[in-house]
């Protein structure tokens, strides 16, 4: 809900929640930022029958969780650690995406302020 509301409130600066970043990844940082990589390959995702909506940066943990559930079928409590790791990764990914959205919003607002001050 936060991302949709944030996207609605940023229409005046031309920012939508599905927009790709328009600024360099290092802008506003003093350190070098690494690029995120998928740890699960496409073949693994297909063979594990992971739906497209769950093929994100945490998919490798989802595969481990599904494998644990398959191995321990009647005793699903044995997979609590794998489930916790997957859900924690999803939460961290969500927080990171919110921070990136906020960074993009602030940089666009700063750009507009600088243009108004010059002209």
PDB file of N, CA and C in Angstrom:
ATOM      1  N   UNK A   1       0.822  -1.197   0.000  1.00  0.00           N
ATOM      2  CA  UNK A   1       0.000   0.000   0.000  1.00  0.00           C
ATOM      3  C   UNK A   1       0.858   1.249   0.000  1.00  0.00           C
ATOM      4  N   UNK A   2       1.973   1.220   0.714  1.00  0.00           N
ATOM      5  CA  UNK A   2       2.845   2.384   0.808  1.00  0.00           C
ATOM      6  C   UNK A   2       3.405   2.793  -0.542  1.00  0.00           C
ATOM      7  N   UNK A   3       3.784   1.819  -1.368  1.00  0.00           N
ATOM      8  CA  UNK A   3       4.363   2.128  -2.659  1.00  0.00           C
ATOM      9  C   UNK A   3       3.314   2.739  -3.580  1.00  0.00           C
ATOM     10  N   UNK A   4       2.102   2.223  -3.556  1.00  0.00           N
ATOM     11  CA  UNK A   4       1.042   2.765  -4.402  1.00  0.00           C
ATOM     12  C   UNK A   4       0.713   4.188  -3.967  1.00  0.00           C
ATOM     13  N   UNK A   5       0.582   4.395  -2.673  1.00  0.00           N
ATOM     14  CA  UNK A   5       0.298   5.732  -2.170  1.00  0.00           C
ATOM     15  C   UNK A   5       1.444   6.671  -2.494  1.00  0.00           C
ATOM     16  N   UNK A   6       2.681   6.195  -2.324  1.00  0.00           N
ATOM     17  CA  UNK A   6       3.842   7.014  -2.652  1.00  0.00           C
ATOM     18  C   UNK A   6       3.868   7.356  -4.124  1.00  0.00           C
ATOM     19  N   UNK A   7       3.491   6.401  -4.968  1.00  0.00           N
ATOM     20  CA  UNK A   7       3.457   6.646  -6.396  1.00  0.00           C
ATOM     21  C   UNK A   7       2.369   7.657  -6.745  1.00  0.00           C
ATOM     22  N   UNK A   8       1.229   7.592  -6.072  1.00  0.00           N
ATOM     23  CA  UNK A   8       0.142   8.533  -6.317  1.00  0.00           C
ATOM     24  C   UNK A   8       0.561   9.948  -5.930  1.00  0.00           C
ATOM     25  N   UNK A   9       1.276  10.079  -4.834  1.00  0.00           N
ATOM     26  CA  UNK A   9       1.682  11.391  -4.360  1.00  0.00           C
ATOM     27  C   UNK A   9       2.866  11.969  -5.129  1.00  0.00           C
ATOM     28  N   UNK A  10       3.486  11.203  -6.002  1.00  0.00           N
ATOM     29  CA  UNK A  10       4.646  11.695  -6.747  1.00  0.00           C
ATOM     30  C   UNK A  10       4.359  11.873  -8.233  1.00  0.00           C
ATOM     31  N   UNK A  11       3.103  11.919  -8.612  1.00  0.00           N
ATOM     32  CA  UNK A  11       2.753  12.107 -10.030  1.00  0.00           C
ATOM     33  C   UNK A  11       3.219  13.472 -10.539  1.00  0.00           C
ATOM     34  N   UNK A  12       3.219  14.480  -9.678  1.00  0.00           N
ATOM     35  CA  UNK A  12       3.591  15.826 -10.121  1.00  0.00           C
ATOM     36  C   UNK A  12       5.067  15.931 -10.495  1.00  0.00           C
ATOM     37  N   UNK A  13       5.904  15.034 -10.000  1.00  0.00           N
ATOM     38  CA  UNK A  13       7.317  15.048 -10.400  1.00  0.00           C
ATOM     39  C   UNK A  13       7.609  13.972 -11.441  1.00  0.00           C
ATOM     40  N   UNK A  14       6.571  13.294 -11.904  1.00  0.00           N
ATOM     41  CA  UNK A  14       6.720  12.311 -12.961  1.00  0.00           C
ATOM     42  C   UNK A  14       7.316  10.992 -12.510  1.00  0.00           C
ATOM     43  N   UNK A  15       7.045  10.582 -11.289  1.00  0.00           N
ATOM     44  CA  UNK A  15       7.602   9.337 -10.762  1.00  0.00           C
ATOM     45  C   UNK A  15       6.488   8.331 -10.531  1.00  0.00           C
ATOM     46  N   UNK A  16       6.664   7.148 -11.106  1.00  0.00           N
ATOM     47  CA  UNK A  16       5.721   6.051 -10.937  1.00  0.00           C
ATOM     48  C   UNK A  16       6.462   4.896 -10.294  1.00  0.00           C
ATOM     49  N   UNK A  17       5.747   4.027  -9.597  1.00  0.00           N
ATOM     50  CA  UNK A  17       6.410   2.952  -8.857  1.00  0.00           C
ATOM     51  C   UNK A  17       7.101   1.952  -9.769  1.00  0.00           C
ATOM     52  N   UNK A  18       6.745   1.873 -11.038  1.00  0.00           N
ATOM     53  CA  UNK A  18       7.362   0.925 -11.954  1.00  0.00           C
ATOM     54  C   UNK A  18       8.483   1.536 -12.786  1.00  0.00           C
ATOM     55  N   UNK A  19       8.828   2.788 -12.531  1.00  0.00           N
ATOM     56  CA  UNK A  19       9.890   3.452 -13.277  1.00  0.00           C
ATOM     57  C   UNK A  19      11.251   2.879 -12.918  1.00  0.00           C
ATOM     58  N   UNK A  20      12.113   2.826 -13.915  1.00  0.00           N
ATOM     59  CA  UNK A  20      13.504   2.449 -13.688  1.00  0.00           C
ATOM     60  C   UNK A  20      14.238   3.676 -13.128  1.00  0.00           C
ATOM     61  N   UNK A  21      15.282   3.466 -12.347  1.00  0.00           N
ATOM     62  CA  UNK A  21      16.026   4.617 -11.810  1.00  0.00           C
ATOM     63  C   UNK A  21      16.597   5.471 -12.936  1.00  0.00           C
ATOM     64  N   UNK A  22      16.485   6.782 -12.797  1.00  0.00           N
ATOM     65  CA  UNK A  22      16.974   7.683 -13.832  1.00  0.00           C
ATOM     66  C   UNK A  22      18.296   8.334 -13.440  1.00  0.00           C
ATOM     67  N   UNK A  23      18.798   8.049 -12.250  1.00  0.00           N
ATOM     68  CA  UNK A  23      20.061   8.602 -11.782  1.00  0.00           C
ATOM     69  C   UNK A  23      21.079   7.477 -11.632  1.00  0.00           C
ATOM     70  N   UNK A  24      22.360   7.805 -11.731  1.00  0.00           N
ATOM     71  CA  UNK A  24      23.381   6.774 -11.522  1.00  0.00           C
ATOM     72  C   UNK A  24      23.264   6.170 -10.127  1.00  0.00           C
ATOM     73  N   UNK A  25      23.570   4.878  -9.986  1.00  0.00           N
ATOM     74  CA  UNK A  25      23.403   4.224  -8.680  1.00  0.00           C
ATOM     75  C   UNK A  25      24.268   4.822  -7.575  1.00  0.00           C
ATOM     76  N   UNK A  26      25.383   5.448  -7.929  1.00  0.00           N
ATOM     77  CA  UNK A  26      26.290   5.979  -6.915  1.00  0.00           C
ATOM     78  C   UNK A  26      25.964   7.420  -6.523  1.00  0.00           C
ATOM     79  N   UNK A  27      25.024   8.060  -7.207  1.00  0.00           N
ATOM     80  CA  UNK A  27      24.713   9.459  -6.915  1.00  0.00           C
ATOM     81  C   UNK A  27      24.114   9.583  -5.517  1.00  0.00           C
ATOM     82  N   UNK A  28      24.743  10.406  -4.693  1.00  0.00           N
ATOM     83  CA  UNK A  28      24.287  10.609  -3.332  1.00  0.00           C
ATOM     84  C   UNK A  28      24.972   9.700  -2.321  1.00  0.00           C
ATOM     85  N   UNK A  29      25.919   8.874  -2.776  1.00  0.00           N
ATOM     86  CA  UNK A  29      26.632   7.956  -1.888  1.00  0.00           C
ATOM     87  C   UNK A  29      28.130   8.210  -1.970  1.00  0.00           C
ATOM     88  N   UNK A  30      28.808   8.025  -0.860  1.00  0.00           N
ATOM     89  CA  UNK A  30      30.262   8.159  -0.842  1.00  0.00           C
ATOM     90  C   UNK A  30      30.955   6.829  -1.090  1.00  0.00           C
ATOM     91  N   UNK A  31      30.200   5.745  -1.065  1.00  0.00           N
ATOM     92  CA  UNK A  31      30.772   4.414  -1.237  1.00  0.00           C
ATOM     93  C   UNK A  31      30.311   3.825  -2.562  1.00  0.00           C
ATOM     94  N   UNK A  32      31.046   2.828  -3.027  1.00  0.00           N
ATOM     95  CA  UNK A  32      30.655   2.139  -4.266  1.00  0.00           C
ATOM     96  C   UNK A  32      29.578   1.119  -3.929  1.00  0.00           C
ATOM     97  N   UNK A  33      28.495   1.161  -4.672  1.00  0.00           N
ATOM     98  CA  UNK A  33      27.383   0.241  -4.452  1.00  0.00           C
ATOM     99  C   UNK A  33      27.467  -0.903  -5.442  1.00  0.00           C
ATOM    100  N   UNK A  34      27.326  -2.106  -4.942  1.00  0.00           N
ATOM    101  CA  UNK A  34      27.338  -3.278  -5.804  1.00  0.00           C
ATOM    102  C   UNK A  34      25.985  -3.500  -6.458  1.00  0.00           C
ATOM    103  N   UNK A  35      26.006  -4.177  -7.594  1.00  0.00           N
ATOM    104  CA  UNK A  35      24.766  -4.476  -8.297  1.00  0.00           C
ATOM    105  C   UNK A  35      24.171  -5.763  -7.740  1.00  0.00           C
ATOM    106  N   UNK A  36      22.872  -5.788  -7.590  1.00  0.00           N
ATOM    107  CA  UNK A  36      22.189  -6.986  -7.081  1.00  0.00           C
ATOM    108  C   UNK A  36      22.142  -8.044  -8.170  1.00  0.00           C
ATOM    109  N   UNK A  37      22.319  -9.289  -7.758  1.00  0.00           N
ATOM    110  CA  UNK A  37      22.294 -10.395  -8.711  1.00  0.00           C
ATOM    111  C   UNK A  37      21.321 -11.458  -8.220  1.00  0.00           C
ATOM    112  N   UNK A  38      20.716 -12.138  -9.181  1.00  0.00           N
ATOM    113  CA  UNK A  38      19.849 -13.276  -8.864  1.00  0.00           C
ATOM    114  C   UNK A  38      20.736 -14.471  -8.566  1.00  0.00           C
ATOM    115  N   UNK A  39      20.475 -15.158  -7.459  1.00  0.00           N
ATOM    116  CA  UNK A  39      21.263 -16.327  -7.103  1.00  0.00           C
ATOM    117  C   UNK A  39      20.689 -17.612  -7.706  1.00  0.00           C
ATOM    118  N   UNK A  40      19.424 -17.595  -8.042  1.00  0.00           N
ATOM    119  CA  UNK A  40      18.786 -18.760  -8.662  1.00  0.00           C
ATOM    120  C   UNK A  40      18.741 -18.547 -10.168  1.00  0.00           C
ATOM    121  N   UNK A  41      19.125 -19.571 -10.923  1.00  0.00           N
ATOM    122  CA  UNK A  41      19.088 -19.441 -12.380  1.00  0.00           C
ATOM    123  C   UNK A  41      17.680 -19.791 -12.892  1.00  0.00           C
ATOM    124  N   UNK A  42      17.452 -19.424 -14.123  1.00  0.00           N
ATOM    125  CA  UNK A  42      16.120 -19.594 -14.725  1.00  0.00           C
ATOM    126  C   UNK A  42      15.711 -21.064 -14.794  1.00  0.00           C
ATOM    127  N   UNK A  43      16.666 -21.948 -15.074  1.00  0.00           N
ATOM    128  CA  UNK A  43      16.352 -23.378 -15.152  1.00  0.00           C
ATOM    129  C   UNK A  43      15.895 -23.931 -13.805  1.00  0.00           C
ATOM    130  N   UNK A  44      16.554 -23.487 -12.726  1.00  0.00           N
ATOM    131  CA  UNK A  44      16.146 -23.926 -11.385  1.00  0.00           C
ATOM    132  C   UNK A  44      14.733 -23.443 -11.052  1.00  0.00           C
ATOM    133  N   UNK A  45      14.434 -22.213 -11.439  1.00  0.00           N
ATOM    134  CA  UNK A  45      13.106 -21.658 -11.162  1.00  0.00           C
ATOM    135  C   UNK A  45      12.026 -22.400 -11.943  1.00  0.00           C
ATOM    136  N   UNK A  46      12.331 -22.748 -13.179  1.00  0.00           N
ATOM    137  CA  UNK A  46      11.363 -23.496 -13.991  1.00  0.00           C
ATOM    138  C   UNK A  46      11.150 -24.903 -13.443  1.00  0.00           C
ATOM    139  N   UNK A  47      12.250 -25.569 -13.077  1.00  0.00           N
ATOM    140  CA  UNK A  47      12.118 -26.944 -12.594  1.00  0.00           C
ATOM    141  C   UNK A  47      11.433 -26.998 -11.233  1.00  0.00           C
ATOM    142  N   UNK A  48      11.582 -25.952 -10.427  1.00  0.00           N
ATOM    143  CA  UNK A  48      10.905 -25.903  -9.125  1.00  0.00           C
ATOM    144  C   UNK A  48       9.484 -25.369  -9.239  1.00  0.00           C
ATOM    145  N   UNK A  49       9.078 -24.984 -10.457  1.00  0.00           N
ATOM    146  CA  UNK A  49       7.734 -24.455 -10.728  1.00  0.00           C
ATOM    147  C   UNK A  49       7.409 -23.225  -9.866  1.00  0.00           C
ATOM    148  N   UNK A  50       8.374 -22.336  -9.780  1.00  0.00           N
ATOM    149  CA  UNK A  50       8.171 -21.084  -9.053  1.00  0.00           C
ATOM    150  C   UNK A  50       7.389 -20.139  -9.963  1.00  0.00           C
ATOM    151  N   UNK A  51       6.248 -19.607  -9.521  1.00  0.00           N
ATOM    152  CA  UNK A  51       5.467 -18.688 -10.363  1.00  0.00           C
ATOM    153  C   UNK A  51       6.248 -17.414 -10.684  1.00  0.00           C
ATOM    154  N   UNK A  52       5.905 -16.776 -11.777  1.00  0.00           N
ATOM    155  CA  UNK A  52       6.620 -15.567 -12.210  1.00  0.00           C
ATOM    156  C   UNK A  52       6.599 -14.471 -11.156  1.00  0.00           C
ATOM    157  N   UNK A  53       5.496 -14.351 -10.428  1.00  0.00           N
ATOM    158  CA  UNK A  53       5.400 -13.276  -9.442  1.00  0.00           C
ATOM    159  C   UNK A  53       6.344 -13.479  -8.253  1.00  0.00           C
ATOM    160  N   UNK A  54       6.870 -14.681  -8.075  1.00  0.00           N
ATOM    161  CA  UNK A  54       7.791 -14.955  -6.969  1.00  0.00           C
ATOM    162  C   UNK A  54       9.238 -15.079  -7.433  1.00  0.00           C
ATOM    163  N   UNK A  55       9.513 -14.786  -8.677  1.00  0.00           N
ATOM    164  CA  UNK A  55      10.877 -14.889  -9.193  1.00  0.00           C
ATOM    165  C   UNK A  55      11.607 -13.566  -8.976  1.00  0.00           C
ATOM    166  N   UNK A  56      12.034 -13.359  -7.760  1.00  0.00           N
ATOM    167  CA  UNK A  56      12.743 -12.142  -7.403  1.00  0.00           C
ATOM    168  C   UNK A  56      14.094 -12.511  -6.795  1.00  0.00           C
ATOM    169  N   UNK A  57      14.705 -11.590  -6.075  1.00  0.00           N
ATOM    170  CA  UNK A  57      16.027 -11.812  -5.512  1.00  0.00           C
ATOM    171  C   UNK A  57      16.020 -12.813  -4.356  1.00  0.00           C
ATOM    172  N   UNK A  58      14.870 -13.229  -3.897  1.00  0.00           N
ATOM    173  CA  UNK A  58      14.761 -14.197  -2.803  1.00  0.00           C
ATOM    174  C   UNK A  58      14.330 -15.575  -3.293  1.00  0.00           C
ATOM    175  N   UNK A  59      14.299 -15.770  -4.596  1.00  0.00           N
ATOM    176  CA  UNK A  59      13.790 -17.023  -5.149  1.00  0.00           C
ATOM    177  C   UNK A  59      14.634 -18.228  -4.744  1.00  0.00           C
ATOM    178  N   UNK A  60      15.934 -18.028  -4.553  1.00  0.00           N
ATOM    179  CA  UNK A  60      16.781 -19.154  -4.142  1.00  0.00           C
ATOM    180  C   UNK A  60      16.370 -19.686  -2.772  1.00  0.00           C
ATOM    181  N   UNK A  61      15.926 -18.800  -1.889  1.00  0.00           N
ATOM    182  CA  UNK A  61      15.450 -19.226  -0.568  1.00  0.00           C
ATOM    183  C   UNK A  61      14.074 -19.882  -0.660  1.00  0.00           C
ATOM    184  N   UNK A  62      13.261 -19.419  -1.598  1.00  0.00           N
ATOM    185  CA  UNK A  62      11.954 -20.040  -1.802  1.00  0.00           C
ATOM    186  C   UNK A  62      12.115 -21.468  -2.311  1.00  0.00           C
ATOM    187  N   UNK A  63      13.099 -21.694  -3.174  1.00  0.00           N
ATOM    188  CA  UNK A  63      13.368 -23.051  -3.658  1.00  0.00           C
ATOM    189  C   UNK A  63      13.769 -23.954  -2.496  1.00  0.00           C
ATOM    190  N   UNK A  64      14.646 -23.462  -1.625  1.00  0.00           N
ATOM    191  CA  UNK A  64      15.056 -24.251  -0.456  1.00  0.00           C
ATOM    192  C   UNK A  64      13.856 -24.558   0.440  1.00  0.00           C
ATOM    193  N   UNK A  65      12.986 -23.575   0.611  1.00  0.00           N
ATOM    194  CA  UNK A  65      11.796 -23.766   1.445  1.00  0.00           C
ATOM    195  C   UNK A  65      10.867 -24.819   0.838  1.00  0.00           C
ATOM    196  N   UNK A  66      10.648 -24.748  -0.469  1.00  0.00           N
ATOM    197  CA  UNK A  66       9.793 -25.741  -1.130  1.00  0.00           C
ATOM    198  C   UNK A  66      10.402 -27.139  -1.072  1.00  0.00           C
ATOM    199  N   UNK A  67      11.712 -27.232  -1.210  1.00  0.00           N
ATOM    200  CA  UNK A  67      12.376 -28.534  -1.112  1.00  0.00           C
ATOM    201  C   UNK A  67      12.225 -29.106   0.292  1.00  0.00           C
ATOM    202  N   UNK A  68      12.356 -28.272   1.296  1.00  0.00           N
ATOM    203  CA  UNK A  68      12.193 -28.726   2.680  1.00  0.00           C
ATOM    204  C   UNK A  68      10.764 -29.204   2.919  1.00  0.00           C
ATOM    205  N   UNK A  69       9.806 -28.470   2.408  1.00  0.00           N
ATOM    206  CA  UNK A  69       8.405 -28.879   2.563  1.00  0.00           C
ATOM    207  C   UNK A  69       8.145 -30.224   1.890  1.00  0.00           C
ATOM    208  N   UNK A  70       8.761 -30.428   0.730  1.00  0.00           N
ATOM    209  CA  UNK A  70       8.579 -31.693   0.015  1.00  0.00           C
ATOM    210  C   UNK A  70       9.196 -32.856   0.797  1.00  0.00           C
ATOM    211  N   UNK A  71      10.375 -32.634   1.369  1.00  0.00           N
ATOM    212  CA  UNK A  71      11.065 -33.698   2.098  1.00  0.00           C
ATOM    213  C   UNK A  71      10.398 -34.026   3.429  1.00  0.00           C
ATOM    214  N   UNK A  72       9.832 -33.027   4.092  1.00  0.00           N
ATOM    215  CA  UNK A  72       9.264 -33.196   5.432  1.00  0.00           C
ATOM    216  C   UNK A  72       7.755 -33.004   5.426  1.00  0.00           C
ATOM    217  N   UNK A  73       7.076 -33.529   4.448  1.00  0.00           N
ATOM    218  CA  UNK A  73       5.672 -33.192   4.202  1.00  0.00           C
ATOM    219  C   UNK A  73       4.742 -33.242   5.414  1.00  0.00           C
ATOM    220  N   UNK A  74       4.645 -34.262   6.160  1.00  0.00           N
ATOM    221  CA  UNK A  74       3.682 -34.149   7.259  1.00  0.00           C
ATOM    222  C   UNK A  74       4.181 -33.260   8.397  1.00  0.00           C
ATOM    223  N   UNK A  75       5.488 -33.072   8.490  1.00  0.00           N
ATOM    224  CA  UNK A  75       6.077 -32.310   9.599  1.00  0.00           C
ATOM    225  C   UNK A  75       6.637 -30.985   9.083  1.00  0.00           C
ATOM    226  N   UNK A  76       5.758 -30.077   8.723  1.00  0.00           N
ATOM    227  CA  UNK A  76       6.177 -28.818   8.115  1.00  0.00           C
ATOM    228  C   UNK A  76       6.858 -27.876   9.100  1.00  0.00           C
ATOM    229  N   UNK A  77       6.722 -28.134  10.385  1.00  0.00           N
ATOM    230  CA  UNK A  77       7.404 -27.283  11.358  1.00  0.00           C
ATOM    231  C   UNK A  77       8.921 -27.424  11.276  1.00  0.00           C
ATOM    232  N   UNK A  78       9.388 -28.497  10.672  1.00  0.00           N
ATOM    233  CA  UNK A  78      10.830 -28.672  10.494  1.00  0.00           C
ATOM    234  C   UNK A  78      11.400 -27.663   9.501  1.00  0.00           C
ATOM    235  N   UNK A  79      10.541 -27.010   8.754  1.00  0.00           N
ATOM    236  CA  UNK A  79      10.977 -26.040   7.748  1.00  0.00           C
ATOM    237  C   UNK A  79      10.827 -24.602   8.223  1.00  0.00           C
ATOM    238  N   UNK A  80      10.680 -24.418   9.506  1.00  0.00           N
ATOM    239  CA  UNK A  80      10.474 -23.064  10.036  1.00  0.00           C
ATOM    240  C   UNK A  80      11.671 -22.164   9.749  1.00  0.00           C
ATOM    241  N   UNK A  81      12.884 -22.707   9.826  1.00  0.00           N
ATOM    242  CA  UNK A  81      14.077 -21.897   9.565  1.00  0.00           C
ATOM    243  C   UNK A  81      14.111 -21.419   8.112  1.00  0.00           C
ATOM    244  N   UNK A  82      13.812 -22.315   7.168  1.00  0.00           N
ATOM    245  CA  UNK A  82      13.807 -21.945   5.758  1.00  0.00           C
ATOM    246  C   UNK A  82      12.714 -20.922   5.456  1.00  0.00           C
ATOM    247  N   UNK A  83      11.553 -21.106   6.080  1.00  0.00           N
ATOM    248  CA  UNK A  83      10.459 -20.148   5.885  1.00  0.00           C
ATOM    249  C   UNK A  83      10.834 -18.780   6.438  1.00  0.00           C
ATOM    250  N   UNK A  84      11.447 -18.775   7.613  1.00  0.00           N
ATOM    251  CA  UNK A  84      11.859 -17.507   8.225  1.00  0.00           C
ATOM    252  C   UNK A  84      12.911 -16.803   7.362  1.00  0.00           C
ATOM    253  N   UNK A  85      13.870 -17.559   6.839  1.00  0.00           N
ATOM    254  CA  UNK A  85      14.908 -16.966   5.989  1.00  0.00           C
ATOM    255  C   UNK A  85      14.285 -16.353   4.734  1.00  0.00           C
ATOM    256  N   UNK A  86      13.328 -17.060   4.130  1.00  0.00           N
ATOM    257  CA  UNK A  86      12.675 -16.540   2.918  1.00  0.00           C
ATOM    258  C   UNK A  86      11.865 -15.278   3.226  1.00  0.00           C
ATOM    259  N   UNK A  87      11.060 -15.309   4.268  1.00  0.00           N
ATOM    260  CA  UNK A  87      10.235 -14.142   4.603  1.00  0.00           C
ATOM    261  C   UNK A  87      11.084 -12.947   5.018  1.00  0.00           C
ATOM    262  N   UNK A  88      12.193 -13.205   5.700  1.00  0.00           N
ATOM    263  CA  UNK A  88      13.095 -12.121   6.093  1.00  0.00           C
ATOM    264  C   UNK A  88      13.738 -11.497   4.852  1.00  0.00           C
ATOM    265  N   UNK A  89      14.110 -12.321   3.890  1.00  0.00           N
ATOM    266  CA  UNK A  89      14.667 -11.819   2.637  1.00  0.00           C
ATOM    267  C   UNK A  89      13.635 -10.969   1.887  1.00  0.00           C
ATOM    268  N   UNK A  90      12.390 -11.424   1.847  1.00  0.00           N
ATOM    269  CA  UNK A  90      11.323 -10.659   1.191  1.00  0.00           C
ATOM    270  C   UNK A  90      11.118  -9.299   1.865  1.00  0.00           C
ATOM    271  N   UNK A  91      11.158  -9.279   3.189  1.00  0.00           N
ATOM    272  CA  UNK A  91      11.013  -8.019   3.919  1.00  0.00           C
ATOM    273  C   UNK A  91      12.172  -7.078   3.608  1.00  0.00           C
ATOM    274  N   UNK A  92      13.396  -7.610   3.621  1.00  0.00           N
ATOM    275  CA  UNK A  92      14.560  -6.784   3.319  1.00  0.00           C
ATOM    276  C   UNK A  92      14.520  -6.252   1.899  1.00  0.00           C
ATOM    277  N   UNK A  93      14.053  -7.063   0.962  1.00  0.00           N
ATOM    278  CA  UNK A  93      13.925  -6.630  -0.422  1.00  0.00           C
ATOM    279  C   UNK A  93      12.887  -5.512  -0.549  1.00  0.00           C
ATOM    280  N   UNK A  94      11.782  -5.648   0.166  1.00  0.00           N
ATOM    281  CA  UNK A  94      10.731  -4.624   0.146  1.00  0.00           C
ATOM    282  C   UNK A  94      11.256  -3.298   0.703  1.00  0.00           C
ATOM    283  N   UNK A  95      11.986  -3.371   1.811  1.00  0.00           N
ATOM    284  CA  UNK A  95      12.547  -2.163   2.421  1.00  0.00           C
ATOM    285  C   UNK A  95      13.545  -1.511   1.473  1.00  0.00           C
ATOM    286  N   UNK A  96      14.371  -2.314   0.813  1.00  0.00           N
ATOM    287  CA  UNK A  96      15.342  -1.775  -0.127  1.00  0.00           C
ATOM    288  C   UNK A  96      14.655  -1.090  -1.302  1.00  0.00           C
ATOM    289  N   UNK A  97      13.588  -1.696  -1.819  1.00  0.00           N
ATOM    290  CA  UNK A  97      12.860  -1.069  -2.926  1.00  0.00           C
ATOM    291  C   UNK A  97      12.203   0.239  -2.495  1.00  0.00           C
ATOM    292  N   UNK A  98      11.686   0.280  -1.261  1.00  0.00           N
ATOM    293  CA  UNK A  98      11.114   1.532  -0.748  1.00  0.00           C
ATOM    294  C   UNK A  98      12.178   2.614  -0.622  1.00  0.00           C
ATOM    295  N   UNK A  99      13.358   2.230  -0.157  1.00  0.00           N
ATOM    296  CA  UNK A  99      14.450   3.203  -0.028  1.00  0.00           C
ATOM    297  C   UNK A  99      14.895   3.710  -1.391  1.00  0.00           C
ATOM    298  N   UNK A 100      14.943   2.834  -2.381  1.00  0.00           N
ATOM    299  CA  UNK A 100      15.318   3.252  -3.738  1.00  0.00           C
ATOM    300  C   UNK A 100      14.272   4.191  -4.327  1.00  0.00           C
ATOM    301  N   UNK A 101      12.998   3.906  -4.067  1.00  0.00           N
ATOM    302  CA  UNK A 101      11.924   4.784  -4.539  1.00  0.00           C
ATOM    303  C   UNK A 101      12.058   6.164  -3.896  1.00  0.00           C
ATOM    304  N   UNK A 102      12.309   6.179  -2.592  1.00  0.00           N
ATOM    305  CA  UNK A 102      12.457   7.455  -1.882  1.00  0.00           C
ATOM    306  C   UNK A 102      13.688   8.214  -2.373  1.00  0.00           C
ATOM    307  N   UNK A 103      14.774   7.520  -2.652  1.00  0.00           N
ATOM    308  CA  UNK A 103      15.985   8.148  -3.184  1.00  0.00           C
ATOM    309  C   UNK A 103      15.698   8.792  -4.532  1.00  0.00           C
ATOM    310  N   UNK A 104      15.011   8.065  -5.404  1.00  0.00           N
ATOM    311  CA  UNK A 104      14.664   8.597  -6.721  1.00  0.00           C
ATOM    312  C   UNK A 104      13.765   9.827  -6.580  1.00  0.00           C
ATOM    313  N   UNK A 105      12.805   9.763  -5.666  1.00  0.00           N
ATOM    314  CA  UNK A 105      11.896  10.890  -5.441  1.00  0.00           C
ATOM    315  C   UNK A 105      12.662  12.125  -4.977  1.00  0.00           C
ATOM    316  N   UNK A 106      13.550  11.951  -4.017  1.00  0.00           N
ATOM    317  CA  UNK A 106      14.312  13.091  -3.490  1.00  0.00           C
ATOM    318  C   UNK A 106      15.248  13.681  -4.534  1.00  0.00           C
ATOM    319  N   UNK A 107      15.881  12.817  -5.334  1.00  0.00           N
ATOM    320  CA  UNK A 107      16.780  13.332  -6.368  1.00  0.00           C
ATOM    321  C   UNK A 107      16.006  14.083  -7.448  1.00  0.00           C
ATOM    322  N   UNK A 108      14.819  13.611  -7.799  1.00  0.00           N
ATOM    323  CA  UNK A 108      14.009  14.334  -8.791  1.00  0.00           C
ATOM    324  C   UNK A 108      13.525  15.665  -8.237  1.00  0.00           C
ATOM    325  N   UNK A 109      13.104  15.679  -6.968  1.00  0.00           N
ATOM    326  CA  UNK A 109      12.685  16.945  -6.359  1.00  0.00           C
ATOM    327  C   UNK A 109      13.852  17.929  -6.285  1.00  0.00           C
ATOM    328  N   UNK A 110      15.040  17.433  -5.985  1.00  0.00           N
ATOM    329  CA  UNK A 110      16.232  18.284  -5.929  1.00  0.00           C
ATOM    330  C   UNK A 110      16.530  18.862  -7.308  1.00  0.00           C
ATOM    331  N   UNK A 111      16.404  18.045  -8.347  1.00  0.00           N
ATOM    332  CA  UNK A 111      16.645  18.497  -9.711  1.00  0.00           C
ATOM    333  C   UNK A 111      15.658  19.601 -10.095  1.00  0.00           C
ATOM    334  N   UNK A 112      14.399  19.453  -9.712  1.00  0.00           N
ATOM    335  CA  UNK A 112      13.380  20.469 -10.003  1.00  0.00           C
ATOM    336  C   UNK A 112      13.693  21.768  -9.253  1.00  0.00           C
ATOM    337  N   UNK A 113      14.085  21.654  -7.985  1.00  0.00           N
ATOM    338  CA  UNK A 113      14.456  22.848  -7.212  1.00  0.00           C
ATOM    339  C   UNK A 113      15.641  23.589  -7.830  1.00  0.00           C
ATOM    340  N   UNK A 114      16.627  22.867  -8.300  1.00  0.00           N
ATOM    341  CA  UNK A 114      17.804  23.498  -8.925  1.00  0.00           C
ATOM    342  C   UNK A 114      17.424  24.190 -10.227  1.00  0.00           C
ATOM    343  N   UNK A 115      16.559  23.563 -11.030  1.00  0.00           N
ATOM    344  CA  UNK A 115      16.096  24.181 -12.273  1.00  0.00           C
ATOM    345  C   UNK A 115      15.311  25.454 -12.001  1.00  0.00           C
ATOM    346  N   UNK A 116      14.458  25.455 -10.959  1.00  0.00           N
ATOM    347  CA  UNK A 116      13.689  26.650 -10.627  1.00  0.00           C
ATOM    348  C   UNK A 116      14.583  27.771 -10.121  1.00  0.00           C
ATOM    349  N   UNK A 117      15.626  27.426  -9.383  1.00  0.00           N
ATOM    350  CA  UNK A 117      16.546  28.445  -8.862  1.00  0.00           C
ATOM    351  C   UNK A 117      17.361  29.071  -9.984  1.00  0.00           C
ATOM    352  N   UNK A 118      17.702  28.317 -11.011  1.00  0.00           N
ATOM    353  CA  UNK A 118      18.485  28.832 -12.123  1.00  0.00           C
ATOM    354  C   UNK A 118      17.624  29.644 -13.089  1.00  0.00           C
ATOM    355  N   UNK A 119      16.394  29.219 -13.286  1.00  0.00           N
ATOM    356  CA  UNK A 119      15.574  29.862 -14.309  1.00  0.00           C
ATOM    357  C   UNK A 119      14.376  30.452 -13.751  1.00  0.00           C
TER     358      UNK A 119
END
